[in-house]
Amino acid sequence: MENASEIDISRFRRELEEYRQRWPGEGEVVAHFQALSTDPQDPFSRSRLAGHFTASAWLVDRSGTRVLLTHHRKLERWLQLGGHADGDRDLAAVALLEAQEESGLPDLRVERTLFDLDRHWIPARGEVPGHWHFDARYVVRAGADEQYVVSAESLDLAWRDIRQVADGGDGATVGSYDAALQRMARKWLQRRRTADQ
């Protein structure tokens, strides 16, 4: 009989296959995630120095028109909220927990379907060598209370218009949204258009 950890890994592998079917053009990144999920050294722990799983939240307001972003303290860029799995194999739960901890918002809800995948290089910092983050992104929805609290991990937080993120900037932050953020914004807008049809 499978234990809870094995069930979470099996579910994640099914999510990856379903994601590949939804986004066939992203087959290469899916293959990287699938390969890592079978690695004998725990890929859900940051102790796997070559690379490991992380989870992020595409945290949208109730209207679905704005996303909460962090001006990340270490990276000094606007990014989605998220962090390390630290051994937890339920990456949707990790994304929700990171959103709660980094925003202070109550009543958040996570959608368990993979929203986006991104594999990106993290440069060496102090004692930690350069390594890959395999980031699984999930939609997290805010409740009525949108009064966030800036945590120690952020220089700032801000609600940003998703259309402007898709375009790469909003005047004050032109060019400050990387390609991965823009891709998520476009996916979200496409999803909303499809739902409206």
N, C-alpha and C. Protein backbone atom coordinates (compact mmCIF):
# COMPACT_ATOMS: atom_id res chain seq x y z
N MET A 1 0.83 -1.19 0.00
CA MET A 1 0.00 0.00 0.00
C MET A 1 0.88 1.26 0.00
N GLU A 2 0.52 2.24 -0.86
CA GLU A 2 1.30 3.47 -0.97
C GLU A 2 1.12 4.33 0.29
N ASN A 3 2.22 4.97 0.74
CA ASN A 3 2.08 5.94 1.83
C ASN A 3 1.72 7.30 1.24
N ALA A 4 1.46 8.26 2.13
CA ALA A 4 1.01 9.59 1.67
C ALA A 4 2.02 10.24 0.74
N SER A 5 3.31 10.07 1.05
CA SER A 5 4.35 10.67 0.24
C SER A 5 4.34 10.09 -1.18
N GLU A 6 4.19 8.77 -1.30
CA GLU A 6 4.15 8.13 -2.62
C GLU A 6 2.91 8.55 -3.39
N ILE A 7 1.80 8.72 -2.68
CA ILE A 7 0.56 9.17 -3.33
C ILE A 7 0.75 10.57 -3.90
N ASP A 8 1.40 11.47 -3.12
CA ASP A 8 1.65 12.83 -3.60
C ASP A 8 2.54 12.82 -4.84
N ILE A 9 3.57 11.97 -4.85
CA ILE A 9 4.47 11.91 -6.01
C ILE A 9 3.73 11.36 -7.22
N SER A 10 2.92 10.32 -7.02
CA SER A 10 2.12 9.76 -8.13
C SER A 10 1.17 10.81 -8.70
N ARG A 11 0.53 11.57 -7.81
CA ARG A 11 -0.39 12.62 -8.26
C ARG A 11 0.37 13.68 -9.06
N PHE A 12 1.56 14.07 -8.57
CA PHE A 12 2.35 15.08 -9.27
C PHE A 12 2.74 14.58 -10.66
N ARG A 13 3.12 13.31 -10.79
CA ARG A 13 3.47 12.77 -12.10
C ARG A 13 2.28 12.79 -13.04
N ARG A 14 1.08 12.50 -12.52
CA ARG A 14 -0.14 12.59 -13.35
C ARG A 14 -0.38 14.04 -13.78
N GLU A 15 -0.18 14.97 -12.84
CA GLU A 15 -0.34 16.39 -13.16
C GLU A 15 0.61 16.80 -14.28
N LEU A 16 1.84 16.30 -14.24
CA LEU A 16 2.82 16.64 -15.28
C LEU A 16 2.36 16.14 -16.64
N GLU A 17 1.82 14.93 -16.70
CA GLU A 17 1.35 14.39 -17.97
C GLU A 17 0.14 15.18 -18.48
N GLU A 18 -0.77 15.53 -17.58
CA GLU A 18 -1.93 16.34 -17.98
C GLU A 18 -1.47 17.72 -18.46
N TYR A 19 -0.46 18.28 -17.81
CA TYR A 19 0.08 19.57 -18.22
C TYR A 19 0.67 19.46 -19.64
N ARG A 20 1.40 18.40 -19.92
CA ARG A 20 1.98 18.20 -21.25
C ARG A 20 0.88 18.17 -22.32
N GLN A 21 -0.24 17.55 -22.00
CA GLN A 21 -1.35 17.48 -22.95
C GLN A 21 -1.98 18.85 -23.17
N ARG A 22 -2.07 19.67 -22.12
CA ARG A 22 -2.62 21.03 -22.27
C ARG A 22 -1.66 21.96 -23.00
N TRP A 23 -0.37 21.78 -22.77
CA TRP A 23 0.65 22.67 -23.33
C TRP A 23 1.70 21.85 -24.08
N PRO A 24 1.34 21.27 -25.22
CA PRO A 24 2.27 20.38 -25.94
C PRO A 24 3.58 21.06 -26.34
N GLY A 25 3.56 22.36 -26.49
CA GLY A 25 4.78 23.09 -26.84
C GLY A 25 5.79 23.16 -25.71
N GLU A 26 5.40 22.73 -24.50
CA GLU A 26 6.30 22.78 -23.35
C GLU A 26 6.80 21.38 -22.97
N GLY A 27 6.81 20.48 -23.94
CA GLY A 27 7.22 19.11 -23.68
C GLY A 27 8.62 18.97 -23.10
N GLU A 28 9.55 19.83 -23.53
CA GLU A 28 10.92 19.73 -23.05
C GLU A 28 11.01 20.02 -21.55
N VAL A 29 10.34 21.08 -21.10
CA VAL A 29 10.40 21.39 -19.66
C VAL A 29 9.68 20.31 -18.85
N VAL A 30 8.58 19.77 -19.38
CA VAL A 30 7.89 18.69 -18.68
C VAL A 30 8.81 17.49 -18.53
N ALA A 31 9.57 17.18 -19.57
CA ALA A 31 10.50 16.04 -19.51
C ALA A 31 11.55 16.22 -18.43
N HIS A 32 12.03 17.46 -18.24
CA HIS A 32 12.99 17.73 -17.16
C HIS A 32 12.35 17.46 -15.79
N PHE A 33 11.10 17.90 -15.62
CA PHE A 33 10.40 17.69 -14.35
C PHE A 33 10.15 16.20 -14.12
N GLN A 34 9.75 15.49 -15.17
CA GLN A 34 9.49 14.06 -15.03
C GLN A 34 10.77 13.31 -14.65
N ALA A 35 11.87 13.66 -15.28
CA ALA A 35 13.14 13.00 -14.97
C ALA A 35 13.53 13.26 -13.51
N LEU A 36 13.39 14.50 -13.07
CA LEU A 36 13.76 14.82 -11.69
C LEU A 36 12.87 14.08 -10.69
N SER A 37 11.60 13.89 -11.04
CA SER A 37 10.68 13.24 -10.10
C SER A 37 11.05 11.79 -9.81
N THR A 38 11.90 11.20 -10.66
CA THR A 38 12.32 9.81 -10.45
C THR A 38 13.73 9.71 -9.89
N ASP A 39 14.35 10.84 -9.59
CA ASP A 39 15.72 10.86 -9.10
C ASP A 39 15.79 10.19 -7.72
N PRO A 40 16.76 9.29 -7.51
CA PRO A 40 16.85 8.62 -6.21
C PRO A 40 17.23 9.55 -5.07
N GLN A 41 17.94 10.65 -5.38
CA GLN A 41 18.24 11.64 -4.34
C GLN A 41 17.03 12.57 -4.25
N ASP A 42 16.51 12.80 -3.07
CA ASP A 42 15.23 13.48 -2.87
C ASP A 42 15.16 14.83 -3.60
N PRO A 43 14.39 14.92 -4.70
CA PRO A 43 14.31 16.17 -5.45
C PRO A 43 13.40 17.21 -4.79
N PHE A 44 12.72 16.83 -3.70
CA PHE A 44 11.86 17.77 -2.99
C PHE A 44 12.61 18.47 -1.85
N SER A 45 13.90 18.17 -1.72
CA SER A 45 14.72 18.77 -0.66
C SER A 45 15.80 19.65 -1.27
N ARG A 46 16.04 20.79 -0.66
CA ARG A 46 17.08 21.68 -1.18
C ARG A 46 18.49 21.11 -0.95
N SER A 47 18.58 20.02 -0.18
CA SER A 47 19.88 19.38 0.02
C SER A 47 20.36 18.70 -1.27
N ARG A 48 19.45 18.48 -2.23
CA ARG A 48 19.87 17.99 -3.55
C ARG A 48 20.42 19.21 -4.29
N LEU A 49 21.73 19.42 -4.17
CA LEU A 49 22.34 20.69 -4.56
C LEU A 49 22.31 20.96 -6.06
N ALA A 50 22.24 19.92 -6.88
CA ALA A 50 22.24 20.15 -8.34
C ALA A 50 20.94 20.79 -8.80
N GLY A 51 19.86 20.59 -8.06
CA GLY A 51 18.56 21.15 -8.40
C GLY A 51 17.46 20.45 -7.63
N HIS A 52 16.35 21.15 -7.46
CA HIS A 52 15.25 20.61 -6.65
C HIS A 52 13.96 21.33 -6.99
N PHE A 53 12.85 20.71 -6.53
CA PHE A 53 11.54 21.29 -6.78
C PHE A 53 11.27 22.48 -5.85
N THR A 54 10.61 23.47 -6.41
CA THR A 54 10.07 24.60 -5.66
C THR A 54 8.62 24.76 -6.10
N ALA A 55 7.88 25.61 -5.41
CA ALA A 55 6.48 25.84 -5.78
C ALA A 55 6.16 27.31 -5.65
N SER A 56 5.34 27.81 -6.56
CA SER A 56 4.97 29.22 -6.58
C SER A 56 3.47 29.39 -6.72
N ALA A 57 3.03 30.59 -6.34
CA ALA A 57 1.61 30.94 -6.39
C ALA A 57 1.38 32.06 -7.39
N TRP A 58 0.49 31.83 -8.35
CA TRP A 58 -0.03 32.90 -9.21
C TRP A 58 -1.26 33.40 -8.45
N LEU A 59 -1.02 34.38 -7.55
CA LEU A 59 -2.03 34.80 -6.59
C LEU A 59 -2.88 35.92 -7.18
N VAL A 60 -4.12 35.59 -7.54
CA VAL A 60 -4.99 36.55 -8.21
C VAL A 60 -6.06 37.06 -7.25
N ASP A 61 -6.50 38.29 -7.50
CA ASP A 61 -7.58 38.86 -6.70
C ASP A 61 -8.92 38.24 -7.10
N ARG A 62 -9.98 38.63 -6.37
CA ARG A 62 -11.29 38.02 -6.63
C ARG A 62 -11.82 38.32 -8.02
N SER A 63 -11.43 39.46 -8.59
CA SER A 63 -11.91 39.80 -9.93
C SER A 63 -11.12 39.05 -11.01
N GLY A 64 -9.97 38.51 -10.65
CA GLY A 64 -9.14 37.83 -11.64
C GLY A 64 -8.40 38.76 -12.58
N THR A 65 -8.31 40.04 -12.22
CA THR A 65 -7.65 41.02 -13.10
C THR A 65 -6.29 41.46 -12.58
N ARG A 66 -5.98 41.15 -11.32
CA ARG A 66 -4.70 41.56 -10.73
C ARG A 66 -4.01 40.36 -10.09
N VAL A 67 -2.68 40.43 -10.08
CA VAL A 67 -1.86 39.39 -9.45
C VAL A 67 -0.98 40.06 -8.39
N LEU A 68 -0.78 39.37 -7.27
CA LEU A 68 0.08 39.91 -6.22
C LEU A 68 1.51 39.43 -6.47
N LEU A 69 2.41 40.39 -6.62
CA LEU A 69 3.82 40.08 -6.87
C LEU A 69 4.69 40.60 -5.73
N THR A 70 5.85 39.95 -5.59
CA THR A 70 6.83 40.37 -4.60
C THR A 70 8.03 41.01 -5.30
N HIS A 71 8.52 42.10 -4.72
CA HIS A 71 9.81 42.63 -5.16
C HIS A 71 10.82 41.89 -4.29
N HIS A 72 11.37 40.82 -4.84
CA HIS A 72 12.15 39.85 -4.08
C HIS A 72 13.42 40.48 -3.50
N ARG A 73 13.62 40.27 -2.20
CA ARG A 73 14.74 40.91 -1.50
C ARG A 73 16.09 40.47 -2.06
N LYS A 74 16.29 39.16 -2.26
CA LYS A 74 17.60 38.67 -2.72
C LYS A 74 17.81 38.90 -4.21
N LEU A 75 16.78 38.68 -5.00
CA LEU A 75 16.93 38.76 -6.45
C LEU A 75 16.66 40.16 -7.00
N GLU A 76 16.02 41.01 -6.19
CA GLU A 76 15.72 42.40 -6.56
C GLU A 76 14.98 42.49 -7.88
N ARG A 77 13.98 41.59 -8.03
CA ARG A 77 13.12 41.58 -9.21
C ARG A 77 11.70 41.33 -8.76
N TRP A 78 10.73 41.73 -9.59
CA TRP A 78 9.33 41.42 -9.34
C TRP A 78 9.06 39.99 -9.77
N LEU A 79 8.55 39.19 -8.84
CA LEU A 79 8.30 37.78 -9.07
C LEU A 79 6.99 37.36 -8.41
N GLN A 80 6.52 36.16 -8.73
CA GLN A 80 5.40 35.57 -8.02
C GLN A 80 5.88 35.09 -6.66
N LEU A 81 4.97 34.90 -5.72
CA LEU A 81 5.31 34.39 -4.40
C LEU A 81 5.64 32.90 -4.51
N GLY A 82 6.57 32.42 -3.68
CA GLY A 82 6.88 31.00 -3.72
C GLY A 82 8.14 30.68 -2.96
N GLY A 83 8.47 29.38 -2.94
CA GLY A 83 9.67 28.97 -2.22
C GLY A 83 9.93 27.48 -2.33
N HIS A 84 10.85 27.00 -1.49
CA HIS A 84 11.29 25.62 -1.50
C HIS A 84 10.24 24.67 -0.95
N ALA A 85 10.27 23.44 -1.46
CA ALA A 85 9.35 22.41 -0.98
C ALA A 85 9.77 21.90 0.40
N ASP A 86 11.08 21.89 0.67
CA ASP A 86 11.62 21.44 1.96
C ASP A 86 11.05 20.09 2.39
N GLY A 87 11.02 19.15 1.45
CA GLY A 87 10.62 17.79 1.75
C GLY A 87 9.14 17.49 1.53
N ASP A 88 8.32 18.52 1.37
CA ASP A 88 6.88 18.31 1.15
C ASP A 88 6.66 17.92 -0.31
N ARG A 89 5.98 16.81 -0.54
CA ARG A 89 5.74 16.33 -1.89
C ARG A 89 4.45 16.87 -2.49
N ASP A 90 3.65 17.59 -1.73
CA ASP A 90 2.41 18.19 -2.22
C ASP A 90 2.71 19.63 -2.60
N LEU A 91 3.09 19.84 -3.86
CA LEU A 91 3.56 21.17 -4.27
C LEU A 91 2.45 22.20 -4.32
N ALA A 92 1.20 21.78 -4.53
CA ALA A 92 0.09 22.74 -4.46
C ALA A 92 -0.03 23.28 -3.04
N ALA A 93 0.13 22.41 -2.05
CA ALA A 93 0.08 22.84 -0.65
C ALA A 93 1.25 23.76 -0.32
N VAL A 94 2.42 23.48 -0.90
CA VAL A 94 3.58 24.34 -0.70
C VAL A 94 3.31 25.73 -1.27
N ALA A 95 2.74 25.79 -2.48
CA ALA A 95 2.43 27.08 -3.10
C ALA A 95 1.47 27.88 -2.22
N LEU A 96 0.45 27.21 -1.69
CA LEU A 96 -0.51 27.89 -0.81
C LEU A 96 0.16 28.40 0.45
N LEU A 97 0.97 27.57 1.08
CA LEU A 97 1.66 27.97 2.31
C LEU A 97 2.59 29.16 2.06
N GLU A 98 3.33 29.11 0.97
CA GLU A 98 4.23 30.23 0.64
C GLU A 98 3.44 31.51 0.41
N ALA A 99 2.30 31.41 -0.28
CA ALA A 99 1.46 32.59 -0.51
C ALA A 99 0.96 33.16 0.81
N GLN A 100 0.55 32.30 1.72
CA GLN A 100 0.06 32.76 3.02
C GLN A 100 1.18 33.44 3.81
N GLU A 101 2.34 32.78 3.87
CA GLU A 101 3.46 33.30 4.66
C GLU A 101 4.01 34.61 4.09
N GLU A 102 4.08 34.71 2.77
CA GLU A 102 4.72 35.87 2.16
C GLU A 102 3.77 37.05 1.98
N SER A 103 2.46 36.81 2.05
CA SER A 103 1.50 37.90 1.84
C SER A 103 0.75 38.29 3.11
N GLY A 104 0.63 37.35 4.06
CA GLY A 104 -0.18 37.60 5.24
C GLY A 104 -1.67 37.63 4.96
N LEU A 105 -2.08 37.27 3.74
CA LEU A 105 -3.50 37.32 3.39
C LEU A 105 -4.24 36.11 3.97
N PRO A 106 -5.44 36.35 4.51
CA PRO A 106 -6.26 35.23 4.99
C PRO A 106 -7.12 34.65 3.87
N ASP A 107 -7.72 33.51 4.12
CA ASP A 107 -8.75 32.93 3.24
C ASP A 107 -8.29 32.69 1.81
N LEU A 108 -7.03 32.28 1.65
CA LEU A 108 -6.54 31.96 0.30
C LEU A 108 -6.97 30.53 -0.05
N ARG A 109 -7.21 30.31 -1.36
CA ARG A 109 -7.58 28.98 -1.85
C ARG A 109 -6.68 28.63 -3.03
N VAL A 110 -6.22 27.38 -3.07
CA VAL A 110 -5.34 26.95 -4.16
C VAL A 110 -6.12 26.04 -5.11
N GLU A 111 -5.85 26.20 -6.39
CA GLU A 111 -6.36 25.27 -7.40
C GLU A 111 -5.30 24.19 -7.58
N ARG A 112 -5.68 22.95 -7.54
CA ARG A 112 -4.72 21.84 -7.53
C ARG A 112 -4.17 21.50 -8.91
N THR A 113 -4.66 22.12 -9.96
CA THR A 113 -4.16 21.85 -11.31
C THR A 113 -2.91 22.68 -11.57
N LEU A 114 -1.86 22.05 -12.12
CA LEU A 114 -0.65 22.80 -12.47
C LEU A 114 -1.00 23.93 -13.44
N PHE A 115 -0.56 25.12 -13.11
CA PHE A 115 -0.82 26.29 -13.95
C PHE A 115 0.36 26.56 -14.89
N ASP A 116 1.59 26.38 -14.37
CA ASP A 116 2.77 26.69 -15.17
C ASP A 116 3.95 25.93 -14.59
N LEU A 117 4.94 25.67 -15.44
CA LEU A 117 6.20 25.06 -15.04
C LEU A 117 7.34 25.92 -15.52
N ASP A 118 8.38 26.03 -14.70
CA ASP A 118 9.54 26.80 -15.12
C ASP A 118 10.80 26.21 -14.50
N ARG A 119 11.79 25.98 -15.33
CA ARG A 119 13.10 25.51 -14.86
C ARG A 119 14.07 26.65 -15.07
N HIS A 120 14.66 27.15 -13.98
CA HIS A 120 15.56 28.30 -14.11
C HIS A 120 16.77 28.15 -13.20
N TRP A 121 17.85 28.76 -13.62
CA TRP A 121 19.14 28.67 -12.94
C TRP A 121 19.22 29.70 -11.82
N ILE A 122 19.67 29.26 -10.65
CA ILE A 122 19.90 30.14 -9.51
C ILE A 122 21.41 30.26 -9.32
N PRO A 123 21.96 31.46 -9.41
CA PRO A 123 23.42 31.62 -9.28
C PRO A 123 23.90 31.26 -7.87
N ALA A 124 25.19 30.94 -7.75
CA ALA A 124 25.78 30.64 -6.45
C ALA A 124 25.61 31.84 -5.51
N ARG A 125 25.38 31.52 -4.23
CA ARG A 125 25.23 32.59 -3.23
C ARG A 125 25.80 32.08 -1.92
N GLY A 126 26.87 32.70 -1.45
CA GLY A 126 27.50 32.25 -0.22
C GLY A 126 27.99 30.82 -0.35
N GLU A 127 27.56 29.97 0.58
CA GLU A 127 27.97 28.56 0.59
C GLU A 127 27.17 27.69 -0.39
N VAL A 128 26.10 28.24 -0.94
CA VAL A 128 25.22 27.45 -1.80
C VAL A 128 25.67 27.59 -3.26
N PRO A 129 26.02 26.46 -3.90
CA PRO A 129 26.46 26.54 -5.30
C PRO A 129 25.30 26.87 -6.24
N GLY A 130 25.62 27.29 -7.44
CA GLY A 130 24.59 27.49 -8.45
C GLY A 130 23.82 26.19 -8.67
N HIS A 131 22.53 26.31 -8.92
CA HIS A 131 21.70 25.11 -9.06
C HIS A 131 20.41 25.46 -9.80
N TRP A 132 19.67 24.40 -10.19
CA TRP A 132 18.40 24.57 -10.90
C TRP A 132 17.23 24.56 -9.93
N HIS A 133 16.29 25.45 -10.16
CA HIS A 133 14.97 25.38 -9.52
C HIS A 133 13.98 24.85 -10.56
N PHE A 134 13.26 23.84 -10.17
CA PHE A 134 12.19 23.26 -10.98
C PHE A 134 10.89 23.73 -10.32
N ASP A 135 10.36 24.84 -10.82
CA ASP A 135 9.27 25.52 -10.12
C ASP A 135 7.91 25.15 -10.69
N ALA A 136 7.07 24.54 -9.84
CA ALA A 136 5.69 24.21 -10.19
C ALA A 136 4.81 25.35 -9.70
N ARG A 137 4.02 25.94 -10.61
CA ARG A 137 3.21 27.11 -10.26
C ARG A 137 1.73 26.72 -10.24
N TYR A 138 1.02 27.23 -9.23
CA TYR A 138 -0.40 26.95 -9.04
C TYR A 138 -1.16 28.26 -8.86
N VAL A 139 -2.40 28.28 -9.33
CA VAL A 139 -3.26 29.45 -9.11
C VAL A 139 -3.72 29.43 -7.66
N VAL A 140 -3.55 30.57 -7.00
CA VAL A 140 -4.07 30.78 -5.65
C VAL A 140 -4.99 31.98 -5.74
N ARG A 141 -6.18 31.84 -5.16
CA ARG A 141 -7.17 32.92 -5.23
C ARG A 141 -7.31 33.61 -3.88
N ALA A 142 -7.33 34.93 -3.93
CA ALA A 142 -7.49 35.73 -2.72
C ALA A 142 -8.96 35.79 -2.33
N GLY A 143 -9.20 36.03 -1.05
CA GLY A 143 -10.55 36.27 -0.56
C GLY A 143 -10.87 37.75 -0.62
N ALA A 144 -11.79 38.18 0.22
CA ALA A 144 -12.22 39.58 0.22
C ALA A 144 -11.15 40.52 0.75
N ASP A 145 -10.35 40.05 1.69
CA ASP A 145 -9.31 40.88 2.31
C ASP A 145 -8.07 40.89 1.43
N GLU A 146 -7.73 42.06 0.89
CA GLU A 146 -6.56 42.19 0.01
C GLU A 146 -5.43 42.98 0.66
N GLN A 147 -5.52 43.20 1.98
CA GLN A 147 -4.50 43.98 2.69
C GLN A 147 -3.34 43.08 3.06
N TYR A 148 -2.34 43.05 2.21
CA TYR A 148 -1.18 42.20 2.42
C TYR A 148 -0.24 42.79 3.46
N VAL A 149 0.67 41.95 3.94
CA VAL A 149 1.73 42.35 4.87
C VAL A 149 3.05 41.95 4.22
N VAL A 150 3.97 42.89 4.10
CA VAL A 150 5.26 42.62 3.46
C VAL A 150 6.13 41.83 4.45
N SER A 151 6.57 40.65 4.01
CA SER A 151 7.40 39.80 4.87
C SER A 151 8.88 40.16 4.71
N ALA A 152 9.71 39.53 5.52
CA ALA A 152 11.15 39.78 5.48
C ALA A 152 11.77 39.34 4.16
N GLU A 153 11.08 38.48 3.40
CA GLU A 153 11.63 37.99 2.13
C GLU A 153 11.45 38.99 0.99
N SER A 154 10.65 40.03 1.22
CA SER A 154 10.32 40.97 0.14
C SER A 154 10.78 42.38 0.47
N LEU A 155 11.16 43.09 -0.57
CA LEU A 155 11.36 44.54 -0.44
C LEU A 155 10.01 45.24 -0.47
N ASP A 156 9.07 44.65 -1.21
CA ASP A 156 7.72 45.21 -1.32
C ASP A 156 6.81 44.15 -1.93
N LEU A 157 5.51 44.34 -1.79
CA LEU A 157 4.50 43.57 -2.49
C LEU A 157 3.61 44.56 -3.21
N ALA A 158 2.99 44.13 -4.29
CA ALA A 158 2.07 45.02 -5.01
C ALA A 158 1.11 44.20 -5.85
N TRP A 159 -0.15 44.68 -5.89
CA TRP A 159 -1.12 44.12 -6.83
C TRP A 159 -0.83 44.75 -8.18
N ARG A 160 -0.65 43.92 -9.21
CA ARG A 160 -0.34 44.42 -10.55
C ARG A 160 -1.40 43.95 -11.53
N ASP A 161 -1.75 44.83 -12.46
CA ASP A 161 -2.71 44.51 -13.50
C ASP A 161 -2.13 43.41 -14.40
N ILE A 162 -2.86 42.32 -14.57
CA ILE A 162 -2.33 41.16 -15.30
C ILE A 162 -2.09 41.49 -16.77
N ARG A 163 -2.93 42.33 -17.37
CA ARG A 163 -2.71 42.71 -18.77
C ARG A 163 -1.37 43.45 -18.92
N GLN A 164 -1.06 44.31 -17.97
CA GLN A 164 0.21 45.04 -18.03
C GLN A 164 1.40 44.12 -17.81
N VAL A 165 1.23 43.12 -16.93
CA VAL A 165 2.31 42.13 -16.74
C VAL A 165 2.54 41.39 -18.06
N ALA A 166 1.46 41.00 -18.74
CA ALA A 166 1.58 40.29 -20.01
C ALA A 166 2.34 41.12 -21.04
N ASP A 167 2.19 42.44 -20.96
CA ASP A 167 2.86 43.35 -21.90
C ASP A 167 4.28 43.68 -21.48
N GLY A 168 4.68 43.28 -20.27
CA GLY A 168 6.06 43.49 -19.83
C GLY A 168 6.28 44.66 -18.90
N GLY A 169 5.27 45.49 -18.65
CA GLY A 169 5.46 46.61 -17.75
C GLY A 169 4.21 47.44 -17.62
N ASP A 170 4.23 48.35 -16.65
CA ASP A 170 3.06 49.19 -16.40
C ASP A 170 3.40 50.68 -16.34
N GLY A 171 4.47 51.06 -17.01
CA GLY A 171 4.90 52.46 -16.97
C GLY A 171 5.94 52.68 -15.90
N ALA A 172 5.57 52.42 -14.64
CA ALA A 172 6.50 52.60 -13.53
C ALA A 172 7.53 51.48 -13.47
N THR A 173 7.18 50.34 -14.04
CA THR A 173 8.08 49.18 -13.94
C THR A 173 8.34 48.56 -15.31
N VAL A 174 8.47 49.39 -16.32
CA VAL A 174 8.69 48.90 -17.69
C VAL A 174 9.91 47.99 -17.73
N GLY A 175 9.74 46.85 -18.37
CA GLY A 175 10.84 45.92 -18.51
C GLY A 175 11.16 45.12 -17.27
N SER A 176 10.37 45.30 -16.22
CA SER A 176 10.71 44.64 -14.97
C SER A 176 10.07 43.27 -14.81
N TYR A 177 9.23 42.86 -15.75
CA TYR A 177 8.59 41.55 -15.67
C TYR A 177 9.29 40.60 -16.62
N ASP A 178 9.86 39.53 -16.07
CA ASP A 178 10.61 38.61 -16.91
C ASP A 178 9.69 37.78 -17.79
N ALA A 179 10.30 37.00 -18.68
CA ALA A 179 9.53 36.23 -19.66
C ALA A 179 8.60 35.23 -18.99
N ALA A 180 9.01 34.64 -17.87
CA ALA A 180 8.16 33.65 -17.19
C ALA A 180 6.91 34.32 -16.62
N LEU A 181 7.04 35.50 -16.03
CA LEU A 181 5.87 36.22 -15.53
C LEU A 181 4.94 36.60 -16.67
N GLN A 182 5.52 37.06 -17.76
CA GLN A 182 4.70 37.43 -18.92
C GLN A 182 3.96 36.21 -19.47
N ARG A 183 4.64 35.06 -19.50
CA ARG A 183 4.00 33.83 -19.99
C ARG A 183 2.81 33.45 -19.10
N MET A 184 3.00 33.53 -17.77
CA MET A 184 1.89 33.20 -16.86
C MET A 184 0.73 34.16 -17.05
N ALA A 185 1.04 35.44 -17.23
CA ALA A 185 -0.02 36.43 -17.45
C ALA A 185 -0.79 36.11 -18.72
N ARG A 186 -0.09 35.74 -19.80
CA ARG A 186 -0.76 35.40 -21.05
C ARG A 186 -1.61 34.14 -20.89
N LYS A 187 -1.10 33.16 -20.17
CA LYS A 187 -1.88 31.94 -19.92
C LYS A 187 -3.16 32.28 -19.15
N TRP A 188 -3.03 33.14 -18.16
CA TRP A 188 -4.19 33.51 -17.36
C TRP A 188 -5.23 34.23 -18.23
N LEU A 189 -4.77 35.17 -19.06
CA LEU A 189 -5.69 35.90 -19.92
C LEU A 189 -6.35 34.96 -20.93
N GLN A 190 -5.59 34.03 -21.48
CA GLN A 190 -6.15 33.05 -22.42
C GLN A 190 -7.21 32.20 -21.72
N ARG A 191 -6.92 31.79 -20.51
CA ARG A 191 -7.88 30.98 -19.73
C ARG A 191 -9.17 31.75 -19.49
N ARG A 192 -9.06 33.03 -19.17
CA ARG A 192 -10.25 33.84 -18.92
C ARG A 192 -11.06 34.05 -20.19
N ARG A 193 -10.36 34.24 -21.33
CA ARG A 193 -11.08 34.39 -22.61
C ARG A 193 -11.86 33.11 -22.93
N THR A 194 -11.20 31.97 -22.73
CA THR A 194 -11.83 30.68 -23.00
C THR A 194 -13.06 30.49 -22.10
N ALA A 195 -12.94 30.87 -20.84
CA ALA A 195 -14.06 30.72 -19.90
C ALA A 195 -15.23 31.63 -20.27
N ASP A 196 -14.93 32.79 -20.89
CA ASP A 196 -15.99 33.75 -21.26
C ASP A 196 -16.73 33.35 -22.53
N GLN A 197 -16.16 32.41 -23.30
CA GLN A 197 -16.78 32.04 -24.59
C GLN A 197 -17.95 31.09 -24.39
